[in-house]
Amino acid sequence: MKPKTIGIVSLVCYSLILTPGVYGLGIGVTPATMEIEVGNSENVQKTITVSNPEDVEMEFRVYNEDESIDWIQISDPTFSLEPHQKKDVTVRFAPTADEVGEFDTKICVVSLKSEGDFNMGSGVKIPAHITVVKAAVPFYTNPAIIVFIISWLCIILICVDRLRRH
């Protein structure tokens, strides 16, 4: 082989290896991994793109592998795709006020052929690392601060009223 050909082949191999997606037989998914940081009592949405690289219609199912993390919701958990079609699926991370810490799970995408009696399918798992931090509470929602502000407003109004009378 010529050095130029080796360089091109190497470049193609590197680009295939470093592609930020996951592929299985009959399924393509991006991104390959997910890093999420969210405050407790808040929510973050991430998009997964699922593609059907096959020449037949395929059915897909998207789910969270760790069922104990019940605050992860999938917008459209089951759907069908025509050949070479893509679909964006939204994954919503909405931890409760009690949840704080690091969580690891996998978002699974599996495919099955829509036609025929023999349903052989494949799937991919997207590793998701979720960091749930304690959400900052705005100072103006603190009851003591609210009472303090109202008290000062009352004092100011009383002073302005007395100054007007004199």
N, C-alpha and C. Protein backbone atom coordinates (compact mmCIF):
# COMPACT_ATOMS: atom_id res chain seq x y z
N MET A 1 0.83 -1.19 0.00
CA MET A 1 0.00 0.00 0.00
C MET A 1 0.86 1.24 0.00
N LYS A 2 0.36 2.25 -0.60
CA LYS A 2 1.06 3.52 -0.63
C LYS A 2 0.84 4.25 0.69
N PRO A 3 1.80 5.08 1.11
CA PRO A 3 1.65 5.82 2.37
C PRO A 3 0.40 6.71 2.39
N LYS A 4 0.04 7.28 1.25
CA LYS A 4 -1.13 8.14 1.18
C LYS A 4 -2.40 7.32 1.45
N THR A 5 -2.49 6.10 0.89
CA THR A 5 -3.63 5.22 1.09
C THR A 5 -3.73 4.78 2.54
N ILE A 6 -2.59 4.47 3.16
CA ILE A 6 -2.57 4.08 4.57
C ILE A 6 -3.10 5.22 5.44
N GLY A 7 -2.70 6.43 5.12
CA GLY A 7 -3.16 7.59 5.88
C GLY A 7 -4.66 7.78 5.77
N ILE A 8 -5.21 7.62 4.58
CA ILE A 8 -6.66 7.77 4.38
C ILE A 8 -7.41 6.68 5.11
N VAL A 9 -6.94 5.43 5.00
CA VAL A 9 -7.59 4.31 5.68
C VAL A 9 -7.54 4.53 7.20
N SER A 10 -6.41 5.00 7.71
CA SER A 10 -6.28 5.27 9.14
C SER A 10 -7.25 6.35 9.58
N LEU A 11 -7.37 7.40 8.79
CA LEU A 11 -8.28 8.50 9.10
C LEU A 11 -9.73 8.01 9.15
N VAL A 12 -10.11 7.19 8.19
CA VAL A 12 -11.47 6.64 8.17
C VAL A 12 -11.71 5.77 9.40
N CYS A 13 -10.73 4.93 9.75
CA CYS A 13 -10.86 4.07 10.93
C CYS A 13 -11.00 4.90 12.21
N TYR A 14 -10.20 5.93 12.37
CA TYR A 14 -10.28 6.79 13.55
C TYR A 14 -11.63 7.49 13.63
N SER A 15 -12.14 7.96 12.49
CA SER A 15 -13.42 8.66 12.51
C SER A 15 -14.56 7.71 12.87
N LEU A 16 -14.47 6.46 12.44
CA LEU A 16 -15.50 5.48 12.81
C LEU A 16 -15.43 5.14 14.29
N ILE A 17 -14.24 5.04 14.82
CA ILE A 17 -14.07 4.71 16.24
C ILE A 17 -14.51 5.86 17.12
N LEU A 18 -14.24 7.08 16.74
CA LEU A 18 -14.52 8.24 17.58
C LEU A 18 -15.90 8.85 17.34
N THR A 19 -16.75 8.21 16.53
CA THR A 19 -18.09 8.73 16.29
C THR A 19 -18.87 8.70 17.59
N PRO A 20 -19.49 9.85 18.00
CA PRO A 20 -20.18 9.91 19.28
C PRO A 20 -21.57 9.30 19.22
N GLY A 21 -21.66 8.06 18.86
CA GLY A 21 -22.93 7.37 18.79
C GLY A 21 -22.74 5.91 19.13
N VAL A 22 -23.85 5.22 19.29
CA VAL A 22 -23.83 3.80 19.60
C VAL A 22 -24.65 3.11 18.52
N TYR A 23 -24.12 2.00 18.02
CA TYR A 23 -24.83 1.29 16.98
C TYR A 23 -24.91 -0.19 17.34
N GLY A 24 -26.05 -0.78 17.04
CA GLY A 24 -26.24 -2.21 17.19
C GLY A 24 -26.90 -2.69 15.90
N LEU A 25 -27.11 -3.98 15.79
CA LEU A 25 -27.77 -4.53 14.62
C LEU A 25 -29.19 -3.98 14.55
N GLY A 26 -29.50 -3.20 13.56
CA GLY A 26 -30.84 -2.66 13.39
C GLY A 26 -31.15 -1.45 14.23
N ILE A 27 -30.11 -0.76 14.74
CA ILE A 27 -30.39 0.39 15.60
C ILE A 27 -29.19 1.33 15.61
N GLY A 28 -29.47 2.62 15.65
CA GLY A 28 -28.43 3.64 15.81
C GLY A 28 -28.91 4.65 16.83
N VAL A 29 -28.05 5.02 17.77
CA VAL A 29 -28.44 5.93 18.85
C VAL A 29 -27.33 6.92 19.11
N THR A 30 -27.68 8.19 19.26
CA THR A 30 -26.73 9.22 19.72
C THR A 30 -27.42 10.01 20.81
N PRO A 31 -26.73 10.43 21.82
CA PRO A 31 -25.30 10.34 22.08
C PRO A 31 -24.93 8.97 22.64
N ALA A 32 -23.63 8.71 22.72
CA ALA A 32 -23.14 7.43 23.23
C ALA A 32 -23.14 7.40 24.75
N THR A 33 -23.00 8.55 25.39
CA THR A 33 -23.04 8.65 26.86
C THR A 33 -23.78 9.93 27.23
N MET A 34 -24.22 10.00 28.49
CA MET A 34 -24.91 11.19 28.98
C MET A 34 -24.33 11.59 30.33
N GLU A 35 -24.03 12.87 30.46
CA GLU A 35 -23.59 13.47 31.73
C GLU A 35 -24.62 14.54 32.08
N ILE A 36 -25.29 14.37 33.22
CA ILE A 36 -26.35 15.29 33.59
C ILE A 36 -26.08 15.85 34.97
N GLU A 37 -26.24 17.17 35.11
CA GLU A 37 -26.20 17.80 36.43
C GLU A 37 -27.51 18.55 36.60
N VAL A 38 -28.20 18.25 37.68
CA VAL A 38 -29.52 18.83 37.92
C VAL A 38 -29.68 19.10 39.41
N GLY A 39 -30.40 20.15 39.75
CA GLY A 39 -30.71 20.44 41.15
C GLY A 39 -31.93 19.64 41.57
N ASN A 40 -31.97 19.27 42.86
CA ASN A 40 -33.17 18.55 43.31
C ASN A 40 -34.37 19.49 43.20
N SER A 41 -35.51 18.96 42.89
CA SER A 41 -36.76 19.71 42.64
C SER A 41 -36.70 20.51 41.34
N GLU A 42 -35.70 20.30 40.51
CA GLU A 42 -35.61 20.93 39.19
C GLU A 42 -35.71 19.82 38.15
N ASN A 43 -35.67 20.19 36.87
CA ASN A 43 -35.64 19.15 35.85
C ASN A 43 -34.78 19.59 34.68
N VAL A 44 -34.18 18.59 34.05
CA VAL A 44 -33.33 18.78 32.88
C VAL A 44 -33.81 17.80 31.82
N GLN A 45 -33.85 18.27 30.57
CA GLN A 45 -34.25 17.40 29.47
C GLN A 45 -33.08 17.21 28.52
N LYS A 46 -32.87 15.98 28.12
CA LYS A 46 -31.84 15.63 27.13
C LYS A 46 -32.52 14.88 26.00
N THR A 47 -31.94 15.00 24.81
CA THR A 47 -32.52 14.35 23.63
C THR A 47 -31.64 13.20 23.17
N ILE A 48 -32.29 12.09 22.87
CA ILE A 48 -31.63 10.93 22.28
C ILE A 48 -32.18 10.80 20.86
N THR A 49 -31.30 10.64 19.89
CA THR A 49 -31.73 10.43 18.51
C THR A 49 -31.61 8.95 18.19
N VAL A 50 -32.72 8.35 17.82
CA VAL A 50 -32.77 6.92 17.48
C VAL A 50 -32.96 6.83 15.98
N SER A 51 -32.16 5.99 15.33
CA SER A 51 -32.29 5.83 13.88
C SER A 51 -32.44 4.36 13.52
N ASN A 52 -33.13 4.13 12.42
CA ASN A 52 -33.35 2.80 11.88
C ASN A 52 -32.51 2.66 10.61
N PRO A 53 -31.33 2.01 10.70
CA PRO A 53 -30.48 1.88 9.51
C PRO A 53 -30.89 0.71 8.60
N GLU A 54 -31.90 -0.04 9.00
CA GLU A 54 -32.32 -1.22 8.24
C GLU A 54 -33.24 -0.85 7.08
N ASP A 55 -33.51 -1.83 6.23
CA ASP A 55 -34.38 -1.63 5.07
C ASP A 55 -35.82 -2.06 5.34
N VAL A 56 -36.14 -2.34 6.60
CA VAL A 56 -37.50 -2.72 6.99
C VAL A 56 -37.94 -1.85 8.17
N GLU A 57 -39.25 -1.77 8.36
CA GLU A 57 -39.78 -1.02 9.50
C GLU A 57 -39.40 -1.74 10.80
N MET A 58 -39.02 -0.96 11.81
CA MET A 58 -38.62 -1.52 13.10
C MET A 58 -39.42 -0.86 14.22
N GLU A 59 -39.69 -1.64 15.26
CA GLU A 59 -40.31 -1.10 16.47
C GLU A 59 -39.21 -0.89 17.50
N PHE A 60 -39.34 0.19 18.28
CA PHE A 60 -38.32 0.54 19.26
C PHE A 60 -38.96 0.74 20.63
N ARG A 61 -38.17 0.43 21.66
CA ARG A 61 -38.58 0.67 23.04
C ARG A 61 -37.41 1.33 23.76
N VAL A 62 -37.69 2.44 24.46
CA VAL A 62 -36.67 3.17 25.21
C VAL A 62 -37.07 3.14 26.68
N TYR A 63 -36.12 2.76 27.55
CA TYR A 63 -36.45 2.69 28.98
C TYR A 63 -35.20 2.89 29.82
N ASN A 64 -35.41 3.18 31.10
CA ASN A 64 -34.35 3.33 32.07
C ASN A 64 -34.08 1.96 32.68
N GLU A 65 -32.83 1.52 32.64
CA GLU A 65 -32.49 0.18 33.15
C GLU A 65 -32.69 0.07 34.66
N ASP A 66 -32.40 1.12 35.42
CA ASP A 66 -32.52 1.10 36.87
C ASP A 66 -33.91 1.60 37.27
N GLU A 67 -34.82 0.67 37.54
CA GLU A 67 -36.19 1.03 37.86
C GLU A 67 -36.33 1.74 39.20
N SER A 68 -35.31 1.68 40.05
CA SER A 68 -35.39 2.36 41.35
C SER A 68 -35.27 3.87 41.19
N ILE A 69 -34.73 4.33 40.08
CA ILE A 69 -34.66 5.78 39.80
C ILE A 69 -35.93 6.12 39.03
N ASP A 70 -37.00 6.39 39.78
CA ASP A 70 -38.30 6.59 39.16
C ASP A 70 -38.54 8.03 38.68
N TRP A 71 -37.58 8.91 38.86
CA TRP A 71 -37.74 10.30 38.43
C TRP A 71 -37.13 10.56 37.05
N ILE A 72 -36.87 9.50 36.31
CA ILE A 72 -36.44 9.62 34.91
C ILE A 72 -37.63 9.22 34.04
N GLN A 73 -38.07 10.16 33.18
CA GLN A 73 -39.21 9.88 32.31
C GLN A 73 -38.77 9.95 30.84
N ILE A 74 -39.32 9.04 30.05
CA ILE A 74 -39.05 8.98 28.62
C ILE A 74 -40.29 9.53 27.91
N SER A 75 -40.12 10.49 26.99
CA SER A 75 -41.26 11.14 26.35
C SER A 75 -42.07 10.18 25.48
N ASP A 76 -41.41 9.33 24.74
CA ASP A 76 -42.10 8.42 23.82
C ASP A 76 -41.41 7.05 23.93
N PRO A 77 -41.81 6.23 24.91
CA PRO A 77 -41.06 4.99 25.17
C PRO A 77 -41.19 3.90 24.11
N THR A 78 -42.26 3.89 23.34
CA THR A 78 -42.41 2.89 22.27
C THR A 78 -42.86 3.58 20.99
N PHE A 79 -42.23 3.20 19.88
CA PHE A 79 -42.57 3.80 18.59
C PHE A 79 -42.01 2.93 17.47
N SER A 80 -42.45 3.21 16.26
CA SER A 80 -41.96 2.51 15.06
C SER A 80 -41.26 3.51 14.16
N LEU A 81 -40.28 3.02 13.44
CA LEU A 81 -39.58 3.85 12.45
C LEU A 81 -39.53 3.12 11.12
N GLU A 82 -39.80 3.87 10.06
CA GLU A 82 -39.67 3.36 8.70
C GLU A 82 -38.18 3.19 8.39
N PRO A 83 -37.83 2.49 7.33
CA PRO A 83 -36.42 2.33 6.97
C PRO A 83 -35.70 3.67 6.84
N HIS A 84 -34.53 3.76 7.43
CA HIS A 84 -33.63 4.92 7.37
C HIS A 84 -34.25 6.20 7.95
N GLN A 85 -35.21 6.05 8.83
CA GLN A 85 -35.85 7.19 9.48
C GLN A 85 -35.22 7.41 10.86
N LYS A 86 -35.29 8.66 11.36
CA LYS A 86 -34.76 9.01 12.68
C LYS A 86 -35.86 9.62 13.53
N LYS A 87 -35.69 9.54 14.84
CA LYS A 87 -36.66 10.13 15.77
C LYS A 87 -35.91 10.63 17.00
N ASP A 88 -36.28 11.84 17.46
CA ASP A 88 -35.73 12.38 18.70
C ASP A 88 -36.65 12.00 19.85
N VAL A 89 -36.06 11.45 20.89
CA VAL A 89 -36.79 11.06 22.10
C VAL A 89 -36.24 11.89 23.25
N THR A 90 -37.13 12.51 24.03
CA THR A 90 -36.71 13.35 25.14
C THR A 90 -36.69 12.54 26.43
N VAL A 91 -35.57 12.64 27.14
CA VAL A 91 -35.43 12.01 28.45
C VAL A 91 -35.42 13.13 29.47
N ARG A 92 -36.35 13.07 30.43
CA ARG A 92 -36.50 14.12 31.43
C ARG A 92 -36.00 13.61 32.78
N PHE A 93 -35.07 14.35 33.36
CA PHE A 93 -34.52 14.03 34.67
C PHE A 93 -35.09 15.03 35.66
N ALA A 94 -35.97 14.57 36.58
CA ALA A 94 -36.65 15.46 37.52
C ALA A 94 -36.61 14.86 38.92
N PRO A 95 -35.45 14.95 39.61
CA PRO A 95 -35.36 14.37 40.95
C PRO A 95 -36.23 15.12 41.96
N THR A 96 -36.65 14.40 42.99
CA THR A 96 -37.46 15.01 44.05
C THR A 96 -36.56 15.82 44.97
N ALA A 97 -37.18 16.54 45.90
CA ALA A 97 -36.43 17.40 46.83
C ALA A 97 -35.51 16.58 47.73
N ASP A 98 -35.83 15.32 47.96
CA ASP A 98 -35.02 14.46 48.85
C ASP A 98 -33.79 13.88 48.17
N GLU A 99 -33.75 13.89 46.86
CA GLU A 99 -32.66 13.25 46.12
C GLU A 99 -31.46 14.19 46.02
N VAL A 100 -30.31 13.74 46.49
CA VAL A 100 -29.04 14.45 46.34
C VAL A 100 -27.96 13.39 46.22
N GLY A 101 -27.03 13.56 45.29
CA GLY A 101 -25.93 12.61 45.15
C GLY A 101 -25.63 12.27 43.71
N GLU A 102 -24.85 11.19 43.55
CA GLU A 102 -24.42 10.71 42.24
C GLU A 102 -25.21 9.45 41.91
N PHE A 103 -25.71 9.37 40.69
CA PHE A 103 -26.49 8.22 40.25
C PHE A 103 -25.96 7.76 38.90
N ASP A 104 -25.85 6.45 38.74
CA ASP A 104 -25.45 5.86 37.46
C ASP A 104 -26.54 4.90 37.00
N THR A 105 -26.91 5.05 35.76
CA THR A 105 -27.90 4.16 35.17
C THR A 105 -27.58 4.01 33.69
N LYS A 106 -28.40 3.27 33.00
CA LYS A 106 -28.26 3.13 31.56
C LYS A 106 -29.64 3.35 30.94
N ILE A 107 -29.66 4.17 29.89
CA ILE A 107 -30.88 4.33 29.10
C ILE A 107 -30.79 3.32 27.97
N CYS A 108 -31.73 2.39 27.94
CA CYS A 108 -31.70 1.29 26.97
C CYS A 108 -32.63 1.58 25.80
N VAL A 109 -32.16 1.24 24.61
CA VAL A 109 -32.96 1.36 23.39
C VAL A 109 -32.89 0.00 22.71
N VAL A 110 -34.04 -0.65 22.54
CA VAL A 110 -34.08 -1.96 21.89
C VAL A 110 -34.97 -1.87 20.65
N SER A 111 -34.66 -2.71 19.67
CA SER A 111 -35.43 -2.72 18.42
C SER A 111 -35.88 -4.13 18.10
N LEU A 112 -37.05 -4.22 17.48
CA LEU A 112 -37.60 -5.48 16.98
C LEU A 112 -38.17 -5.23 15.60
N LYS A 113 -38.07 -6.22 14.73
CA LYS A 113 -38.69 -6.09 13.41
C LYS A 113 -40.20 -6.11 13.59
N SER A 114 -40.90 -5.23 12.87
CA SER A 114 -42.36 -5.14 12.98
C SER A 114 -43.06 -6.29 12.28
N GLU A 115 -42.41 -6.87 11.29
CA GLU A 115 -43.06 -7.89 10.48
C GLU A 115 -42.52 -9.27 10.85
N GLY A 116 -43.31 -10.29 10.55
CA GLY A 116 -42.86 -11.66 10.67
C GLY A 116 -43.12 -12.25 12.04
N ASP A 117 -42.98 -13.58 12.10
CA ASP A 117 -43.22 -14.30 13.35
C ASP A 117 -41.99 -14.33 14.24
N PHE A 118 -40.82 -14.27 13.64
CA PHE A 118 -39.58 -14.38 14.40
C PHE A 118 -39.10 -12.97 14.77
N ASN A 119 -39.24 -12.61 16.03
CA ASN A 119 -38.89 -11.26 16.49
C ASN A 119 -37.50 -11.25 17.09
N MET A 120 -36.50 -11.21 16.23
CA MET A 120 -35.14 -11.08 16.72
C MET A 120 -34.81 -9.60 16.73
N GLY A 121 -34.28 -9.13 17.83
CA GLY A 121 -33.97 -7.71 17.93
C GLY A 121 -32.59 -7.50 18.51
N SER A 122 -32.28 -6.24 18.69
CA SER A 122 -31.00 -5.87 19.29
C SER A 122 -31.22 -4.62 20.12
N GLY A 123 -30.22 -4.28 20.88
CA GLY A 123 -30.35 -3.09 21.71
C GLY A 123 -29.00 -2.49 22.04
N VAL A 124 -29.06 -1.26 22.50
CA VAL A 124 -27.87 -0.56 22.97
C VAL A 124 -28.19 0.07 24.32
N LYS A 125 -27.15 0.28 25.10
CA LYS A 125 -27.29 0.91 26.40
C LYS A 125 -26.44 2.17 26.43
N ILE A 126 -27.06 3.27 26.81
CA ILE A 126 -26.36 4.55 26.90
C ILE A 126 -26.07 4.80 28.38
N PRO A 127 -24.79 4.76 28.79
CA PRO A 127 -24.47 5.04 30.19
C PRO A 127 -24.81 6.49 30.53
N ALA A 128 -25.51 6.67 31.64
CA ALA A 128 -25.88 8.02 32.09
C ALA A 128 -25.38 8.23 33.51
N HIS A 129 -24.56 9.26 33.69
CA HIS A 129 -24.08 9.65 35.02
C HIS A 129 -24.83 10.92 35.41
N ILE A 130 -25.57 10.84 36.51
CA ILE A 130 -26.42 11.95 36.93
C ILE A 130 -25.92 12.47 38.27
N THR A 131 -25.65 13.77 38.32
CA THR A 131 -25.27 14.43 39.56
C THR A 131 -26.44 15.31 40.00
N VAL A 132 -27.00 14.98 41.16
CA VAL A 132 -28.11 15.76 41.70
C VAL A 132 -27.56 16.60 42.85
N VAL A 133 -27.62 17.92 42.68
CA VAL A 133 -27.11 18.84 43.70
C VAL A 133 -28.28 19.50 44.40
N LYS A 134 -28.02 19.96 45.60
CA LYS A 134 -29.06 20.67 46.35
C LYS A 134 -29.32 21.99 45.66
N ALA A 135 -30.55 22.20 45.27
CA ALA A 135 -30.92 23.42 44.55
C ALA A 135 -30.84 24.62 45.49
N ALA A 136 -30.34 25.71 44.96
CA ALA A 136 -30.25 26.94 45.74
C ALA A 136 -31.65 27.53 45.89
N VAL A 137 -31.99 27.91 47.12
CA VAL A 137 -33.28 28.53 47.39
C VAL A 137 -33.10 30.04 47.34
N PRO A 138 -33.84 30.74 46.51
CA PRO A 138 -33.71 32.19 46.46
C PRO A 138 -34.00 32.81 47.82
N PHE A 139 -33.24 33.85 48.19
CA PHE A 139 -33.37 34.44 49.52
C PHE A 139 -34.76 35.03 49.75
N TYR A 140 -35.42 35.50 48.71
CA TYR A 140 -36.71 36.15 48.88
C TYR A 140 -37.84 35.16 49.13
N THR A 141 -37.59 33.86 49.07
CA THR A 141 -38.63 32.88 49.40
C THR A 141 -38.54 32.44 50.85
N ASN A 142 -37.51 32.89 51.56
CA ASN A 142 -37.36 32.57 52.97
C ASN A 142 -38.40 33.36 53.76
N PRO A 143 -39.23 32.71 54.60
CA PRO A 143 -40.28 33.43 55.35
C PRO A 143 -39.73 34.54 56.24
N ALA A 144 -38.57 34.35 56.85
CA ALA A 144 -38.00 35.38 57.71
C ALA A 144 -37.64 36.63 56.90
N ILE A 145 -37.13 36.45 55.70
CA ILE A 145 -36.79 37.58 54.84
C ILE A 145 -38.06 38.31 54.40
N ILE A 146 -39.10 37.56 54.09
CA ILE A 146 -40.36 38.18 53.68
C ILE A 146 -40.92 39.04 54.81
N VAL A 147 -40.93 38.52 56.05
CA VAL A 147 -41.42 39.29 57.20
C VAL A 147 -40.56 40.53 57.40
N PHE A 148 -39.26 40.39 57.26
CA PHE A 148 -38.34 41.52 57.42
C PHE A 148 -38.63 42.62 56.39
N ILE A 149 -38.83 42.24 55.13
CA ILE A 149 -39.10 43.21 54.06
C ILE A 149 -40.44 43.91 54.31
N ILE A 150 -41.47 43.16 54.67
CA ILE A 150 -42.79 43.76 54.93
C ILE A 150 -42.71 44.71 56.11
N SER A 151 -41.96 44.34 57.17
CA SER A 151 -41.81 45.23 58.34
C SER A 151 -41.17 46.54 57.93
N TRP A 152 -40.10 46.48 57.16
CA TRP A 152 -39.43 47.70 56.73
C TRP A 152 -40.32 48.55 55.83
N LEU A 153 -41.10 47.91 54.97
CA LEU A 153 -42.04 48.67 54.14
C LEU A 153 -43.08 49.39 54.99
N CYS A 154 -43.57 48.73 56.04
CA CYS A 154 -44.54 49.36 56.95
C CYS A 154 -43.91 50.55 57.66
N ILE A 155 -42.68 50.39 58.14
CA ILE A 155 -41.98 51.49 58.83
C ILE A 155 -41.79 52.66 57.89
N ILE A 156 -41.40 52.39 56.66
CA ILE A 156 -41.20 53.46 55.69
C ILE A 156 -42.52 54.18 55.41
N LEU A 157 -43.61 53.43 55.24
CA LEU A 157 -44.91 54.05 54.99
C LEU A 157 -45.36 54.90 56.17
N ILE A 158 -45.13 54.44 57.39
CA ILE A 158 -45.50 55.22 58.58
C ILE A 158 -44.68 56.51 58.63
N CYS A 159 -43.39 56.42 58.35
CA CYS A 159 -42.52 57.62 58.35
C CYS A 159 -42.95 58.61 57.28
N VAL A 160 -43.26 58.13 56.09
CA VAL A 160 -43.70 59.02 55.01
C VAL A 160 -45.03 59.68 55.39
N ASP A 161 -45.93 58.94 55.98
CA ASP A 161 -47.23 59.49 56.41
C ASP A 161 -47.04 60.58 57.46
N ARG A 162 -46.15 60.37 58.42
CA ARG A 162 -45.90 61.37 59.48
C ARG A 162 -45.24 62.62 58.91
N LEU A 163 -44.33 62.43 57.94
CA LEU A 163 -43.69 63.59 57.32
C LEU A 163 -44.70 64.43 56.53
N ARG A 164 -45.69 63.81 55.95
CA ARG A 164 -46.71 64.54 55.19
C ARG A 164 -47.60 65.36 56.12
N ARG A 165 -47.86 64.86 57.31
CA ARG A 165 -48.73 65.53 58.28
C ARG A 165 -48.08 66.79 58.83
N HIS A 166 -46.78 66.82 58.89
CA HIS A 166 -46.09 67.99 59.48
C HIS A 166 -45.80 69.02 58.48
